[in-house]
Amino acid sequence: MTNESTGGAGSHSGGPNRGPRPPRREYGGAGGGGGKDRFVRRRVCQFCVDKMVDIDYKDVARLRRFLSDRGKIEPRRKTGNCAKHQRALTVALKRARQIALLPYTAEHIRFMQR
C-alpha cells in the first residue's frame, strides 16, 4: 500500500488525486501567527530590582500599578514579576482589598450594575 491510500504522512485526506503537502513556513509572516522572528525584551521583576524582602499591603501606590483598569490582578507575563514576588503580591493585594485600601472592581463598573 502507498501513503496516498492509507492517509499517511505527507498526504492530504482530500482524495487520491491530491499531491503531497507543501512545506510549512518556518517563521510567521503575513497572516501567520508565529512571531518567532522578532525579539521581545523580557521584563524584570520590580521587587527583585528594588531588593524588597516582603511586599507591604499598606503601600497602595505601589500595589495599584499591578491592578488593571477593571480592578483585576495583572498576570506575570504582563508585569514581569518573578513567581515568588507574584505570589506575595497577590496576597498583599487581597489583604489591601479586604481592609478597603483597594477596590475589588472598577468604580464605573460598580455604578453600571445598579
PDB file of N, CA and C in Angstrom:
ATOM      1  N   MET A   1       0.834  -1.180   0.000  1.00  0.00           N
ATOM      2  CA  MET A   1       0.000   0.000   0.000  1.00  0.00           C
ATOM      3  C   MET A   1       0.875   1.238   0.000  1.00  0.00           C
ATOM      4  N   THR A   2       0.346   2.312  -0.561  1.00  0.00           N
ATOM      5  CA  THR A   2       1.105   3.555  -0.613  1.00  0.00           C
ATOM      6  C   THR A   2       0.601   4.509   0.455  1.00  0.00           C
ATOM      7  N   ASN A   3       1.312   5.621   0.600  1.00  0.00           N
ATOM      8  CA  ASN A   3       0.919   6.623   1.581  1.00  0.00           C
ATOM      9  C   ASN A   3      -0.401   7.271   1.220  1.00  0.00           C
ATOM     10  N   GLU A   4      -0.687   7.400  -0.078  1.00  0.00           N
ATOM     11  CA  GLU A   4      -1.898   8.088  -0.510  1.00  0.00           C
ATOM     12  C   GLU A   4      -3.154   7.304  -0.121  1.00  0.00           C
ATOM     13  N   SER A   5      -3.098   5.994  -0.198  1.00  0.00           N
ATOM     14  CA  SER A   5      -4.293   5.210   0.105  1.00  0.00           C
ATOM     15  C   SER A   5      -4.498   5.044   1.612  1.00  0.00           C
ATOM     16  N   THR A   6      -3.421   5.084   2.390  1.00  0.00           N
ATOM     17  CA  THR A   6      -3.567   4.894   3.828  1.00  0.00           C
ATOM     18  C   THR A   6      -3.743   6.203   4.568  1.00  0.00           C
ATOM     19  N   GLY A   7      -3.514   7.322   3.888  1.00  0.00           N
ATOM     20  CA  GLY A   7      -3.640   8.606   4.560  1.00  0.00           C
ATOM     21  C   GLY A   7      -2.464   8.874   5.469  1.00  0.00           C
ATOM     22  N   GLY A   8      -1.291   8.354   5.133  1.00  0.00           N
ATOM     23  CA  GLY A   8      -0.095   8.501   5.959  1.00  0.00           C
ATOM     24  C   GLY A   8       0.475   9.903   5.887  1.00  0.00           C
ATOM     25  N   ALA A   9       1.678  10.037   6.380  1.00  0.00           N
ATOM     26  CA  ALA A   9       2.333  11.339   6.445  1.00  0.00           C
ATOM     27  C   ALA A   9       2.617  11.860   5.046  1.00  0.00           C
ATOM     28  N   GLY A  10       2.414  13.142   4.856  1.00  0.00           N
ATOM     29  CA  GLY A  10       2.719  13.763   3.579  1.00  0.00           C
ATOM     30  C   GLY A  10       1.579  13.734   2.594  1.00  0.00           C
ATOM     31  N   SER A  11       0.422  13.293   2.975  1.00  0.00           N
ATOM     32  CA  SER A  11      -0.691  13.262   2.030  1.00  0.00           C
ATOM     33  C   SER A  11      -1.895  13.960   2.635  1.00  0.00           C
ATOM     34  N   HIS A  12      -2.732  14.490   1.781  1.00  0.00           N
ATOM     35  CA  HIS A  12      -3.972  15.107   2.222  1.00  0.00           C
ATOM     36  C   HIS A  12      -5.040  14.033   2.324  1.00  0.00           C
ATOM     37  N   SER A  13      -6.015  14.280   3.146  1.00  0.00           N
ATOM     38  CA  SER A  13      -7.114  13.324   3.246  1.00  0.00           C
ATOM     39  C   SER A  13      -8.229  13.696   2.272  1.00  0.00           C
ATOM     40  N   GLY A  14      -7.946  14.605   1.324  1.00  0.00           N
ATOM     41  CA  GLY A  14      -8.952  15.083   0.392  1.00  0.00           C
ATOM     42  C   GLY A  14      -9.259  14.114  -0.733  1.00  0.00           C
ATOM     43  N   GLY A  15      -8.399  13.229  -1.057  1.00  0.00           N
ATOM     44  CA  GLY A  15      -8.672  12.278  -2.120  1.00  0.00           C
ATOM     45  C   GLY A  15      -7.391  11.777  -2.761  1.00  0.00           C
ATOM     46  N   PRO A  16      -7.490  10.808  -3.660  1.00  0.00           N
ATOM     47  CA  PRO A  16      -6.297  10.189  -4.243  1.00  0.00           C
ATOM     48  C   PRO A  16      -5.609  11.075  -5.277  1.00  0.00           C
ATOM     49  N   ASN A  17      -6.261  12.087  -5.861  1.00  0.00           N
ATOM     50  CA  ASN A  17      -5.650  12.901  -6.903  1.00  0.00           C
ATOM     51  C   ASN A  17      -4.839  14.074  -6.364  1.00  0.00           C
ATOM     52  N   ARG A  18      -4.797  14.240  -5.072  1.00  0.00           N
ATOM     53  CA  ARG A  18      -4.073  15.374  -4.499  1.00  0.00           C
ATOM     54  C   ARG A  18      -2.645  14.972  -4.208  1.00  0.00           C
ATOM     55  N   GLY A  19      -1.743  15.901  -4.408  1.00  0.00           N
ATOM     56  CA  GLY A  19      -0.322  15.622  -4.214  1.00  0.00           C
ATOM     57  C   GLY A  19       0.110  15.787  -2.769  1.00  0.00           C
ATOM     58  N   PRO A  20       1.401  15.740  -2.552  1.00  0.00           N
ATOM     59  CA  PRO A  20       1.909  15.890  -1.181  1.00  0.00           C
ATOM     60  C   PRO A  20       1.702  17.323  -0.673  1.00  0.00           C
ATOM     61  N   ARG A  21       1.741  17.470   0.604  1.00  0.00           N
ATOM     62  CA  ARG A  21       1.529  18.775   1.216  1.00  0.00           C
ATOM     63  C   ARG A  21       2.701  19.708   0.918  1.00  0.00           C
ATOM     64  N   PRO A  22       2.409  21.004   0.787  1.00  0.00           N
ATOM     65  CA  PRO A  22       3.513  21.947   0.621  1.00  0.00           C
ATOM     66  C   PRO A  22       4.279  22.088   1.931  1.00  0.00           C
ATOM     67  N   PRO A  23       5.534  22.473   1.872  1.00  0.00           N
ATOM     68  CA  PRO A  23       6.312  22.605   3.115  1.00  0.00           C
ATOM     69  C   PRO A  23       5.775  23.737   3.977  1.00  0.00           C
ATOM     70  N   ARG A  24       5.891  23.577   5.279  1.00  0.00           N
ATOM     71  CA  ARG A  24       5.443  24.615   6.203  1.00  0.00           C
ATOM     72  C   ARG A  24       6.450  25.744   6.251  1.00  0.00           C
ATOM     73  N   ARG A  25       5.917  26.955   6.499  1.00  0.00           N
ATOM     74  CA  ARG A  25       6.818  28.093   6.648  1.00  0.00           C
ATOM     75  C   ARG A  25       7.447  28.046   8.027  1.00  0.00           C
ATOM     76  N   GLU A  26       8.689  28.447   8.109  1.00  0.00           N
ATOM     77  CA  GLU A  26       9.402  28.429   9.373  1.00  0.00           C
ATOM     78  C   GLU A  26       8.968  29.562  10.293  1.00  0.00           C
ATOM     79  N   TYR A  27       8.877  30.778   9.757  1.00  0.00           N
ATOM     80  CA  TYR A  27       8.598  31.939  10.591  1.00  0.00           C
ATOM     81  C   TYR A  27       7.303  32.586  10.175  1.00  0.00           C
ATOM     82  N   GLY A  28       6.650  33.218  11.137  1.00  0.00           N
ATOM     83  CA  GLY A  28       5.383  33.878  10.872  1.00  0.00           C
ATOM     84  C   GLY A  28       5.561  35.077   9.968  1.00  0.00           C
ATOM     85  N   GLY A  29       4.725  35.200   8.981  1.00  0.00           N
ATOM     86  CA  GLY A  29       4.765  36.324   8.066  1.00  0.00           C
ATOM     87  C   GLY A  29       3.385  36.911   7.957  1.00  0.00           C
ATOM     88  N   ALA A  30       3.003  37.293   6.762  1.00  0.00           N
ATOM     89  CA  ALA A  30       1.675  37.869   6.559  1.00  0.00           C
ATOM     90  C   ALA A  30       0.618  36.800   6.813  1.00  0.00           C
ATOM     91  N   GLY A  31      -0.248  37.062   7.741  1.00  0.00           N
ATOM     92  CA  GLY A  31      -1.329  36.132   8.044  1.00  0.00           C
ATOM     93  C   GLY A  31      -0.932  34.984   8.943  1.00  0.00           C
ATOM     94  N   GLY A  32       0.330  34.867   9.267  1.00  0.00           N
ATOM     95  CA  GLY A  32       0.776  33.773  10.116  1.00  0.00           C
ATOM     96  C   GLY A  32       0.837  34.190  11.559  1.00  0.00           C
ATOM     97  N   GLY A  33       0.662  33.328  12.489  1.00  0.00           N
ATOM     98  CA  GLY A  33       0.698  33.648  13.893  1.00  0.00           C
ATOM     99  C   GLY A  33       2.070  33.547  14.495  1.00  0.00           C
ATOM    100  N   GLY A  34       3.081  33.099  14.108  1.00  0.00           N
ATOM    101  CA  GLY A  34       4.337  32.820  14.768  1.00  0.00           C
ATOM    102  C   GLY A  34       4.929  33.894  15.629  1.00  0.00           C
ATOM    103  N   GLY A  35       5.469  34.913  15.038  1.00  0.00           N
ATOM    104  CA  GLY A  35       6.112  35.946  15.802  1.00  0.00           C
ATOM    105  C   GLY A  35       7.470  35.536  16.320  1.00  0.00           C
ATOM    106  N   LYS A  36       8.052  34.485  15.765  1.00  0.00           N
ATOM    107  CA  LYS A  36       9.337  33.985  16.232  1.00  0.00           C
ATOM    108  C   LYS A  36      10.499  34.852  15.768  1.00  0.00           C
ATOM    109  N   ASP A  37      10.285  35.646  14.729  1.00  0.00           N
ATOM    110  CA  ASP A  37      11.392  36.372  14.138  1.00  0.00           C
ATOM    111  C   ASP A  37      11.675  37.703  14.800  1.00  0.00           C
ATOM    112  N   ARG A  38      10.883  38.124  15.796  1.00  0.00           N
ATOM    113  CA  ARG A  38      11.177  39.379  16.460  1.00  0.00           C
ATOM    114  C   ARG A  38      11.552  39.131  17.910  1.00  0.00           C
ATOM    115  N   PHE A  39      12.404  39.996  18.418  1.00  0.00           N
ATOM    116  CA  PHE A  39      12.924  39.851  19.771  1.00  0.00           C
ATOM    117  C   PHE A  39      12.112  40.716  20.718  1.00  0.00           C
ATOM    118  N   VAL A  40      11.587  40.116  21.770  1.00  0.00           N
ATOM    119  CA  VAL A  40      10.832  40.858  22.768  1.00  0.00           C
ATOM    120  C   VAL A  40      11.646  40.844  24.057  1.00  0.00           C
ATOM    121  N   ARG A  41      11.898  42.031  24.591  1.00  0.00           N
ATOM    122  CA  ARG A  41      12.700  42.125  25.804  1.00  0.00           C
ATOM    123  C   ARG A  41      11.907  41.604  27.003  1.00  0.00           C
ATOM    124  N   ARG A  42      12.538  40.749  27.781  1.00  0.00           N
ATOM    125  CA  ARG A  42      11.908  40.179  28.969  1.00  0.00           C
ATOM    126  C   ARG A  42      11.885  41.238  30.064  1.00  0.00           C
ATOM    127  N   ARG A  43      10.711  41.466  30.646  1.00  0.00           N
ATOM    128  CA  ARG A  43      10.599  42.443  31.723  1.00  0.00           C
ATOM    129  C   ARG A  43      11.186  41.853  32.995  1.00  0.00           C
ATOM    130  N   VAL A  44      11.755  42.712  33.809  1.00  0.00           N
ATOM    131  CA  VAL A  44      12.361  42.252  35.057  1.00  0.00           C
ATOM    132  C   VAL A  44      11.426  42.546  36.219  1.00  0.00           C
ATOM    133  N   CYS A  45      11.557  41.766  37.262  1.00  0.00           N
ATOM    134  CA  CYS A  45      10.726  41.915  38.449  1.00  0.00           C
ATOM    135  C   CYS A  45      11.137  43.179  39.193  1.00  0.00           C
ATOM    136  N   GLN A  46      10.194  44.091  39.388  1.00  0.00           N
ATOM    137  CA  GLN A  46      10.493  45.344  40.073  1.00  0.00           C
ATOM    138  C   GLN A  46      10.827  45.125  41.542  1.00  0.00           C
ATOM    139  N   PHE A  47      10.293  44.097  42.139  1.00  0.00           N
ATOM    140  CA  PHE A  47      10.584  43.823  43.539  1.00  0.00           C
ATOM    141  C   PHE A  47      11.998  43.259  43.697  1.00  0.00           C
ATOM    142  N   CYS A  48      12.470  42.485  42.732  1.00  0.00           N
ATOM    143  CA  CYS A  48      13.845  41.986  42.769  1.00  0.00           C
ATOM    144  C   CYS A  48      14.834  43.124  42.512  1.00  0.00           C
ATOM    145  N   VAL A  49      14.494  44.031  41.601  1.00  0.00           N
ATOM    146  CA  VAL A  49      15.361  45.167  41.291  1.00  0.00           C
ATOM    147  C   VAL A  49      15.517  46.058  42.518  1.00  0.00           C
ATOM    148  N   ASP A  50      14.406  46.293  43.219  1.00  0.00           N
ATOM    149  CA  ASP A  50      14.438  47.140  44.421  1.00  0.00           C
ATOM    150  C   ASP A  50      14.916  46.380  45.659  1.00  0.00           C
ATOM    151  N   LYS A  51      15.203  45.091  45.515  1.00  0.00           N
ATOM    152  CA  LYS A  51      15.667  44.216  46.593  1.00  0.00           C
ATOM    153  C   LYS A  51      14.721  44.251  47.794  1.00  0.00           C
ATOM    154  N   MET A  52      13.438  44.138  47.498  1.00  0.00           N
ATOM    155  CA  MET A  52      12.437  44.121  48.562  1.00  0.00           C
ATOM    156  C   MET A  52      12.295  42.700  49.095  1.00  0.00           C
ATOM    157  N   VAL A  53      12.339  42.564  50.406  1.00  0.00           N
ATOM    158  CA  VAL A  53      12.215  41.256  51.033  1.00  0.00           C
ATOM    159  C   VAL A  53      10.747  40.837  51.090  1.00  0.00           C
ATOM    160  N   ASP A  54       9.879  41.760  51.535  1.00  0.00           N
ATOM    161  CA  ASP A  54       8.447  41.459  51.579  1.00  0.00           C
ATOM    162  C   ASP A  54       7.672  42.623  50.977  1.00  0.00           C
ATOM    163  N   ILE A  55       6.466  42.331  50.564  1.00  0.00           N
ATOM    164  CA  ILE A  55       5.611  43.335  49.920  1.00  0.00           C
ATOM    165  C   ILE A  55       4.594  43.797  50.954  1.00  0.00           C
ATOM    166  N   ASP A  56       4.564  45.108  51.183  1.00  0.00           N
ATOM    167  CA  ASP A  56       3.685  45.681  52.194  1.00  0.00           C
ATOM    168  C   ASP A  56       2.300  45.928  51.607  1.00  0.00           C
ATOM    169  N   TYR A  57       1.282  45.399  52.242  1.00  0.00           N
ATOM    170  CA  TYR A  57      -0.077  45.574  51.732  1.00  0.00           C
ATOM    171  C   TYR A  57      -0.592  46.994  51.938  1.00  0.00           C
ATOM    172  N   LYS A  58       0.088  47.794  52.771  1.00  0.00           N
ATOM    173  CA  LYS A  58      -0.329  49.178  53.012  1.00  0.00           C
ATOM    174  C   LYS A  58       0.267  50.157  51.999  1.00  0.00           C
ATOM    175  N   ASP A  59       1.188  49.683  51.165  1.00  0.00           N
ATOM    176  CA  ASP A  59       1.806  50.538  50.143  1.00  0.00           C
ATOM    177  C   ASP A  59       0.891  50.574  48.914  1.00  0.00           C
ATOM    178  N   VAL A  60      -0.173  51.357  49.004  1.00  0.00           N
ATOM    179  CA  VAL A  60      -1.233  51.351  47.995  1.00  0.00           C
ATOM    180  C   VAL A  60      -0.732  51.877  46.649  1.00  0.00           C
ATOM    181  N   ALA A  61       0.141  52.867  46.670  1.00  0.00           N
ATOM    182  CA  ALA A  61       0.644  53.437  45.419  1.00  0.00           C
ATOM    183  C   ALA A  61       1.389  52.390  44.591  1.00  0.00           C
ATOM    184  N   ARG A  62       2.187  51.560  45.244  1.00  0.00           N
ATOM    185  CA  ARG A  62       2.921  50.514  44.529  1.00  0.00           C
ATOM    186  C   ARG A  62       1.982  49.401  44.079  1.00  0.00           C
ATOM    187  N   LEU A  63       1.041  49.019  44.932  1.00  0.00           N
ATOM    188  CA  LEU A  63       0.144  47.915  44.604  1.00  0.00           C
ATOM    189  C   LEU A  63      -0.808  48.267  43.468  1.00  0.00           C
ATOM    190  N   ARG A  64      -1.197  49.520  43.379  1.00  0.00           N
ATOM    191  CA  ARG A  64      -2.160  49.940  42.356  1.00  0.00           C
ATOM    192  C   ARG A  64      -1.619  49.740  40.938  1.00  0.00           C
ATOM    193  N   ARG A  65      -0.304  49.765  40.794  1.00  0.00           N
ATOM    194  CA  ARG A  65       0.299  49.562  39.465  1.00  0.00           C
ATOM    195  C   ARG A  65       0.074  48.150  38.935  1.00  0.00           C
ATOM    196  N   PHE A  66      -0.209  47.222  39.821  1.00  0.00           N
ATOM    197  CA  PHE A  66      -0.375  45.825  39.428  1.00  0.00           C
ATOM    198  C   PHE A  66      -1.841  45.418  39.304  1.00  0.00           C
ATOM    199  N   LEU A  67      -2.740  46.396  39.291  1.00  0.00           N
ATOM    200  CA  LEU A  67      -4.152  46.154  39.037  1.00  0.00           C
ATOM    201  C   LEU A  67      -4.519  46.706  37.671  1.00  0.00           C
ATOM    202  N   SER A  68      -5.418  46.027  36.973  1.00  0.00           N
ATOM    203  CA  SER A  68      -5.888  46.525  35.681  1.00  0.00           C
ATOM    204  C   SER A  68      -6.888  47.654  35.917  1.00  0.00           C
ATOM    205  N   ASP A  69      -7.334  48.267  34.848  1.00  0.00           N
ATOM    206  CA  ASP A  69      -8.304  49.351  34.982  1.00  0.00           C
ATOM    207  C   ASP A  69      -9.647  48.844  35.508  1.00  0.00           C
ATOM    208  N   ARG A  70      -9.900  47.556  35.400  1.00  0.00           N
ATOM    209  CA  ARG A  70     -11.134  46.966  35.929  1.00  0.00           C
ATOM    210  C   ARG A  70     -10.952  46.393  37.331  1.00  0.00           C
ATOM    211  N   GLY A  71      -9.765  46.518  37.882  1.00  0.00           N
ATOM    212  CA  GLY A  71      -9.527  46.045  39.239  1.00  0.00           C
ATOM    213  C   GLY A  71      -8.993  44.635  39.331  1.00  0.00           C
ATOM    214  N   LYS A  72      -8.665  44.019  38.217  1.00  0.00           N
ATOM    215  CA  LYS A  72      -8.137  42.651  38.231  1.00  0.00           C
ATOM    216  C   LYS A  72      -6.623  42.674  38.458  1.00  0.00           C
ATOM    217  N   ILE A  73      -6.114  41.604  39.041  1.00  0.00           N
ATOM    218  CA  ILE A  73      -4.669  41.480  39.249  1.00  0.00           C
ATOM    219  C   ILE A  73      -4.021  41.135  37.914  1.00  0.00           C
ATOM    220  N   GLU A  74      -3.000  41.919  37.547  1.00  0.00           N
ATOM    221  CA  GLU A  74      -2.315  41.693  36.272  1.00  0.00           C
ATOM    222  C   GLU A  74      -1.480  40.417  36.341  1.00  0.00           C
ATOM    223  N   PRO A  75      -1.401  39.655  35.241  1.00  0.00           N
ATOM    224  CA  PRO A  75      -0.625  38.409  35.253  1.00  0.00           C
ATOM    225  C   PRO A  75       0.882  38.666  35.181  1.00  0.00           C
ATOM    226  N   ARG A  76       1.648  37.653  35.491  1.00  0.00           N
ATOM    227  CA  ARG A  76       3.112  37.746  35.474  1.00  0.00           C
ATOM    228  C   ARG A  76       3.653  38.122  34.120  1.00  0.00           C
ATOM    229  N   ARG A  77       3.052  37.579  33.063  1.00  0.00           N
ATOM    230  CA  ARG A  77       3.577  37.837  31.727  1.00  0.00           C
ATOM    231  C   ARG A  77       3.455  39.302  31.343  1.00  0.00           C
ATOM    232  N   LYS A  78       2.549  40.009  31.984  1.00  0.00           N
ATOM    233  CA  LYS A  78       2.375  41.430  31.704  1.00  0.00           C
ATOM    234  C   LYS A  78       3.219  42.313  32.614  1.00  0.00           C
ATOM    235  N   THR A  79       3.318  41.955  33.886  1.00  0.00           N
ATOM    236  CA  THR A  79       4.058  42.778  34.828  1.00  0.00           C
ATOM    237  C   THR A  79       5.543  42.452  34.862  1.00  0.00           C
ATOM    238  N   GLY A  80       5.906  41.221  34.543  1.00  0.00           N
ATOM    239  CA  GLY A  80       7.309  40.816  34.577  1.00  0.00           C
ATOM    240  C   GLY A  80       7.777  40.359  35.942  1.00  0.00           C
ATOM    241  N   ASN A  81       6.880  40.170  36.877  1.00  0.00           N
ATOM    242  CA  ASN A  81       7.265  39.718  38.211  1.00  0.00           C
ATOM    243  C   ASN A  81       7.768  38.284  38.175  1.00  0.00           C
ATOM    244  N   CYS A  82       8.659  37.977  39.121  1.00  0.00           N
ATOM    245  CA  CYS A  82       9.067  36.581  39.271  1.00  0.00           C
ATOM    246  C   CYS A  82       7.949  35.848  40.014  1.00  0.00           C
ATOM    247  N   ALA A  83       7.993  34.531  40.023  1.00  0.00           N
ATOM    248  CA  ALA A  83       6.917  33.736  40.613  1.00  0.00           C
ATOM    249  C   ALA A  83       6.788  33.984  42.112  1.00  0.00           C
ATOM    250  N   LYS A  84       7.921  34.108  42.789  1.00  0.00           N
ATOM    251  CA  LYS A  84       7.905  34.321  44.245  1.00  0.00           C
ATOM    252  C   LYS A  84       7.228  35.644  44.598  1.00  0.00           C
ATOM    253  N   HIS A  85       7.587  36.700  43.889  1.00  0.00           N
ATOM    254  CA  HIS A  85       7.005  38.003  44.190  1.00  0.00           C
ATOM    255  C   HIS A  85       5.577  38.128  43.677  1.00  0.00           C
ATOM    256  N   GLN A  86       5.227  37.404  42.624  1.00  0.00           N
ATOM    257  CA  GLN A  86       3.836  37.441  42.147  1.00  0.00           C
ATOM    258  C   GLN A  86       2.903  36.820  43.179  1.00  0.00           C
ATOM    259  N   ARG A  87       3.338  35.744  43.804  1.00  0.00           N
ATOM    260  CA  ARG A  87       2.527  35.127  44.861  1.00  0.00           C
ATOM    261  C   ARG A  87       2.367  36.075  46.049  1.00  0.00           C
ATOM    262  N   ALA A  88       3.482  36.711  46.459  1.00  0.00           N
ATOM    263  CA  ALA A  88       3.420  37.653  47.582  1.00  0.00           C
ATOM    264  C   ALA A  88       2.580  38.879  47.222  1.00  0.00           C
ATOM    265  N   LEU A  89       2.666  39.318  45.969  1.00  0.00           N
ATOM    266  CA  LEU A  89       1.885  40.465  45.512  1.00  0.00           C
ATOM    267  C   LEU A  89       0.397  40.147  45.551  1.00  0.00           C
ATOM    268  N   THR A  90       0.023  38.943  45.151  1.00  0.00           N
ATOM    269  CA  THR A  90      -1.379  38.530  45.166  1.00  0.00           C
ATOM    270  C   THR A  90      -1.925  38.543  46.592  1.00  0.00           C
ATOM    271  N   VAL A  91      -1.145  38.042  47.531  1.00  0.00           N
ATOM    272  CA  VAL A  91      -1.572  38.040  48.929  1.00  0.00           C
ATOM    273  C   VAL A  91      -1.726  39.474  49.429  1.00  0.00           C
ATOM    274  N   ALA A  92      -0.759  40.344  49.103  1.00  0.00           N
ATOM    275  CA  ALA A  92      -0.823  41.738  49.549  1.00  0.00           C
ATOM    276  C   ALA A  92      -2.013  42.466  48.940  1.00  0.00           C
ATOM    277  N   LEU A  93      -2.294  42.219  47.669  1.00  0.00           N
ATOM    278  CA  LEU A  93      -3.442  42.857  47.021  1.00  0.00           C
ATOM    279  C   LEU A  93      -4.756  42.400  47.653  1.00  0.00           C
ATOM    280  N   LYS A  94      -4.849  41.124  47.952  1.00  0.00           N
ATOM    281  CA  LYS A  94      -6.072  40.604  48.567  1.00  0.00           C
ATOM    282  C   LYS A  94      -6.259  41.147  49.983  1.00  0.00           C
ATOM    283  N   ARG A  95      -5.157  41.321  50.709  1.00  0.00           N
ATOM    284  CA  ARG A  95      -5.252  41.911  52.050  1.00  0.00           C
ATOM    285  C   ARG A  95      -5.678  43.369  51.967  1.00  0.00           C
ATOM    286  N   ALA A  96      -5.109  44.105  51.015  1.00  0.00           N
ATOM    287  CA  ALA A  96      -5.464  45.516  50.851  1.00  0.00           C
ATOM    288  C   ALA A  96      -6.929  45.657  50.430  1.00  0.00           C
ATOM    289  N   ARG A  97      -7.423  44.734  49.643  1.00  0.00           N
ATOM    290  CA  ARG A  97      -8.838  44.757  49.267  1.00  0.00           C
ATOM    291  C   ARG A  97      -9.718  44.464  50.476  1.00  0.00           C
ATOM    292  N   GLN A  98      -9.272  43.528  51.299  1.00  0.00           N
ATOM    293  CA  GLN A  98     -10.063  43.105  52.453  1.00  0.00           C
ATOM    294  C   GLN A  98     -10.315  44.252  53.426  1.00  0.00           C
ATOM    295  N   ILE A  99      -9.310  45.108  53.611  1.00  0.00           N
ATOM    296  CA  ILE A  99      -9.491  46.227  54.550  1.00  0.00           C
ATOM    297  C   ILE A  99      -9.794  47.532  53.808  1.00  0.00           C
ATOM    298  N   ALA A 100     -10.254  47.406  52.569  1.00  0.00           N
ATOM    299  CA  ALA A 100     -10.790  48.515  51.769  1.00  0.00           C
ATOM    300  C   ALA A 100      -9.760  49.580  51.411  1.00  0.00           C
ATOM    301  N   LEU A 101      -8.483  49.181  51.259  1.00  0.00           N
ATOM    302  CA  LEU A 101      -7.488  50.118  50.738  1.00  0.00           C
ATOM    303  C   LEU A 101      -7.514  50.140  49.213  1.00  0.00           C
ATOM    304  N   LEU A 102      -7.915  49.021  48.631  1.00  0.00           N
ATOM    305  CA  LEU A 102      -8.017  48.902  47.169  1.00  0.00           C
ATOM    306  C   LEU A 102      -9.400  48.370  46.808  1.00  0.00           C
ATOM    307  N   PRO A 103      -9.890  48.719  45.616  1.00  0.00           N
ATOM    308  CA  PRO A 103     -11.225  48.237  45.224  1.00  0.00           C
ATOM    309  C   PRO A 103     -11.180  46.811  44.681  1.00  0.00           C
ATOM    310  N   TYR A 104     -12.289  46.122  44.816  1.00  0.00           N
ATOM    311  CA  TYR A 104     -12.445  44.807  44.190  1.00  0.00           C
ATOM    312  C   TYR A 104     -12.740  44.957  42.703  1.00  0.00           C
ATOM    313  N   THR A 105     -13.507  45.981  42.344  1.00  0.00           N
ATOM    314  CA  THR A 105     -13.858  46.228  40.947  1.00  0.00           C
ATOM    315  C   THR A 105     -13.638  47.694  40.636  1.00  0.00           C
ATOM    316  N   ALA A 106     -13.708  48.030  39.364  1.00  0.00           N
ATOM    317  CA  ALA A 106     -13.578  49.419  38.958  1.00  0.00           C
ATOM    318  C   ALA A 106     -14.838  50.189  39.340  1.00  0.00           C
ATOM    319  N   GLU A 107     -14.678  51.456  39.610  1.00  0.00           N
ATOM    320  CA  GLU A 107     -15.806  52.253  40.096  1.00  0.00           C
ATOM    321  C   GLU A 107     -16.899  52.393  39.042  1.00  0.00           C
ATOM    322  N   HIS A 108     -16.507  52.574  37.775  1.00  0.00           N
ATOM    323  CA  HIS A 108     -17.525  52.752  36.738  1.00  0.00           C
ATOM    324  C   HIS A 108     -18.331  51.470  36.505  1.00  0.00           C
ATOM    325  N   ILE A 109     -17.754  50.326  36.780  1.00  0.00           N
ATOM    326  CA  ILE A 109     -18.482  49.062  36.608  1.00  0.00           C
ATOM    327  C   ILE A 109     -19.477  48.885  37.763  1.00  0.00           C
ATOM    328  N   ARG A 110     -19.096  49.308  38.964  1.00  0.00           N
ATOM    329  CA  ARG A 110     -19.995  49.174  40.118  1.00  0.00           C
ATOM    330  C   ARG A 110     -21.263  49.977  39.926  1.00  0.00           C
ATOM    331  N   PHE A 111     -21.148  51.185  39.362  1.00  0.00           N
ATOM    332  CA  PHE A 111     -22.317  52.032  39.199  1.00  0.00           C
ATOM    333  C   PHE A 111     -23.210  51.605  38.029  1.00  0.00           C
ATOM    334  N   MET A 112     -22.660  50.899  37.072  1.00  0.00           N
ATOM    335  CA  MET A 112     -23.441  50.444  35.930  1.00  0.00           C
ATOM    336  C   MET A 112     -24.436  49.354  36.313  1.00  0.00           C
ATOM    337  N   GLN A 113     -24.139  48.563  37.322  1.00  0.00           N
ATOM    338  CA  GLN A 113     -24.976  47.426  37.669  1.00  0.00           C
ATOM    339  C   GLN A 113     -26.164  47.806  38.545  1.00  0.00           C
ATOM    340  N   ARG A 114     -26.252  49.021  38.977  1.00  0.00           N
ATOM    341  CA  ARG A 114     -27.378  49.442  39.829  1.00  0.00           C
ATOM    342  C   ARG A 114     -28.588  49.785  39.042  1.00  0.00           C
TER     343      ARG A 114
END
